[in-house]
Amino acid sequence: MSNQRFSGTEQYVATDDLMMAVNAAITLARPLLIKGEPGTGKTQLAQEIACSLTRPLFEWHIKSTSKAQQGLYEYDAVTRLRDSQLGDARVHDIRNYITPRRCASRASSWVNGCFR
């Protein structure tokens, strides 16, 4: 468990309820879903939390059609089928058809610093 706590920043004044939700997510090591209309400060909140806790921020802008799997990997079944029909030896290793996505490769995108 983490002993880090979020209490707002100079740029972001958080309500008690919001701080409790953020700190619960930190303590439980679980994601926190922030919903709201455009321009209500969702991205700024994420940036301020990451900066104040000196943690990386991984952004993935989703739409109503986004699927959780797309954040982890893409599996190219069509290419694998074609390769199997052509007798390609690559078909025996499924890793040849899996491409890591944002959430799976996030560790390689860490950049020190805050979003100001």
Protein backbone atom coordinates (compact mmCIF):
# COMPACT_ATOMS: atom_id res chain seq x y z
CA MET A 1 0.00 0.00 0.00
CA SER A 2 1.06 3.56 -0.64
CA ASN A 3 1.41 6.16 2.09
CA GLN A 4 1.11 9.01 -0.43
CA ARG A 5 -1.86 11.34 -0.06
CA PHE A 6 -3.40 13.90 -2.40
CA SER A 7 -4.56 17.14 -0.79
CA GLY A 8 -4.88 19.41 -3.81
CA THR A 9 -2.25 21.73 -5.21
CA GLU A 10 -1.77 25.46 -5.71
CA GLN A 11 -3.26 25.08 -9.19
CA TYR A 12 -6.09 22.69 -8.21
CA VAL A 13 -8.27 23.18 -5.15
CA ALA A 14 -9.95 19.82 -4.50
CA THR A 15 -13.07 19.30 -2.39
CA ASP A 16 -12.95 17.00 0.63
CA ASP A 17 -15.07 14.40 -1.20
CA LEU A 18 -12.76 14.46 -4.21
CA MET A 19 -9.64 14.13 -2.05
CA MET A 20 -11.26 11.20 -0.23
CA ALA A 21 -12.05 9.44 -3.53
CA VAL A 22 -8.54 10.04 -4.91
CA ASN A 23 -6.86 8.87 -1.70
CA ALA A 24 -9.09 5.79 -1.53
CA ALA A 25 -8.00 4.88 -5.07
CA ILE A 26 -4.35 5.42 -4.12
CA THR A 27 -4.66 3.34 -0.93
CA LEU A 28 -6.48 0.51 -2.70
CA ALA A 29 -4.19 0.73 -5.77
CA ARG A 30 -7.27 0.83 -7.99
CA PRO A 31 -8.15 3.11 -10.90
CA LEU A 32 -10.44 6.08 -10.39
CA LEU A 33 -12.97 6.87 -13.11
CA ILE A 34 -13.53 10.61 -13.46
CA LYS A 35 -16.54 11.57 -15.57
CA GLY A 36 -17.77 14.98 -16.60
CA GLU A 37 -18.51 17.38 -19.37
CA PRO A 38 -15.67 18.78 -21.49
CA GLY A 39 -13.77 21.56 -19.76
CA THR A 40 -14.63 20.59 -16.18
CA GLY A 41 -11.03 19.86 -15.15
CA LYS A 42 -10.75 16.06 -15.44
CA THR A 43 -7.41 16.13 -17.23
CA GLN A 44 -6.08 18.90 -15.00
CA LEU A 45 -7.01 16.82 -11.93
CA ALA A 46 -5.09 13.82 -13.29
CA GLN A 47 -2.08 16.00 -14.10
CA GLU A 48 -2.08 17.59 -10.66
CA ILE A 49 -2.40 14.23 -8.87
CA ALA A 50 0.48 12.77 -10.88
CA CYS A 51 2.66 15.81 -10.32
CA SER A 52 1.98 16.19 -6.60
CA LEU A 53 2.71 12.50 -6.01
CA THR A 54 5.66 12.51 -8.46
CA ARG A 55 4.04 9.67 -10.38
CA PRO A 56 3.83 9.18 -14.15
CA LEU A 57 0.64 10.16 -15.95
CA PHE A 58 -0.55 7.91 -18.75
CA GLU A 59 -3.28 9.46 -20.87
CA TRP A 60 -5.69 7.46 -22.97
CA HIS A 61 -8.61 9.41 -24.35
CA ILE A 62 -11.49 7.01 -24.76
CA LYS A 63 -14.78 7.19 -26.62
CA SER A 64 -18.05 5.36 -26.11
CA THR A 65 -16.83 2.78 -28.65
CA SER A 66 -13.48 2.14 -26.92
CA LYS A 67 -12.86 -1.29 -25.43
CA ALA A 68 -10.62 -1.99 -22.44
CA GLN A 69 -8.70 -4.58 -24.45
CA GLN A 70 -7.58 -1.84 -26.86
CA GLY A 71 -5.61 -0.24 -24.05
CA LEU A 72 -3.62 -3.43 -23.55
CA TYR A 73 -3.06 -5.04 -26.92
CA GLU A 74 -4.31 -5.61 -30.45
CA TYR A 75 -4.49 -9.12 -31.87
CA ASP A 76 -4.23 -9.36 -35.67
CA ALA A 77 -6.30 -12.46 -36.43
CA VAL A 78 -6.61 -11.64 -40.14
CA THR A 79 -2.84 -11.61 -40.72
CA ARG A 80 -2.44 -14.81 -38.71
CA LEU A 81 -5.12 -16.52 -40.78
CA ARG A 82 -3.46 -15.39 -44.00
CA ASP A 83 -0.05 -16.58 -42.79
CA SER A 84 -1.50 -19.98 -41.86
CA GLN A 85 -3.02 -20.34 -45.34
CA LEU A 86 0.33 -19.47 -46.91
CA GLY A 87 2.25 -21.90 -44.67
CA ASP A 88 4.27 -19.17 -42.98
CA ALA A 89 6.24 -20.50 -39.98
CA ARG A 90 5.48 -17.30 -38.00
CA VAL A 91 1.97 -18.62 -37.39
CA HIS A 92 3.20 -20.97 -34.65
CA ASP A 93 4.15 -18.06 -32.35
CA ILE A 94 1.14 -15.94 -31.44
CA ARG A 95 3.43 -13.14 -30.25
CA ASN A 96 3.97 -12.28 -33.91
CA TYR A 97 0.37 -11.09 -34.06
CA ILE A 98 0.04 -9.19 -30.78
CA THR A 99 0.88 -5.50 -30.61
CA PRO A 100 1.14 -3.88 -27.14
CA ARG A 101 -0.91 -0.69 -26.70
CA ARG A 102 -0.80 2.33 -24.40
CA CYS A 103 -1.52 0.71 -21.06
CA ALA A 104 0.72 -2.28 -21.69
CA SER A 105 3.71 -0.22 -22.79
CA ARG A 106 3.21 2.71 -20.41
CA ALA A 107 6.36 2.10 -18.39
CA SER A 108 8.50 3.01 -21.38
CA SER A 109 6.80 6.40 -21.77
CA TRP A 110 7.59 7.84 -18.30
CA VAL A 111 9.00 11.35 -18.45
CA ASN A 112 10.12 13.19 -15.31
CA GLY A 113 8.42 16.45 -14.59
CA CYS A 114 5.03 17.99 -14.18
CA PHE A 115 2.51 19.21 -16.69
CA ARG A 116 2.46 22.99 -16.20
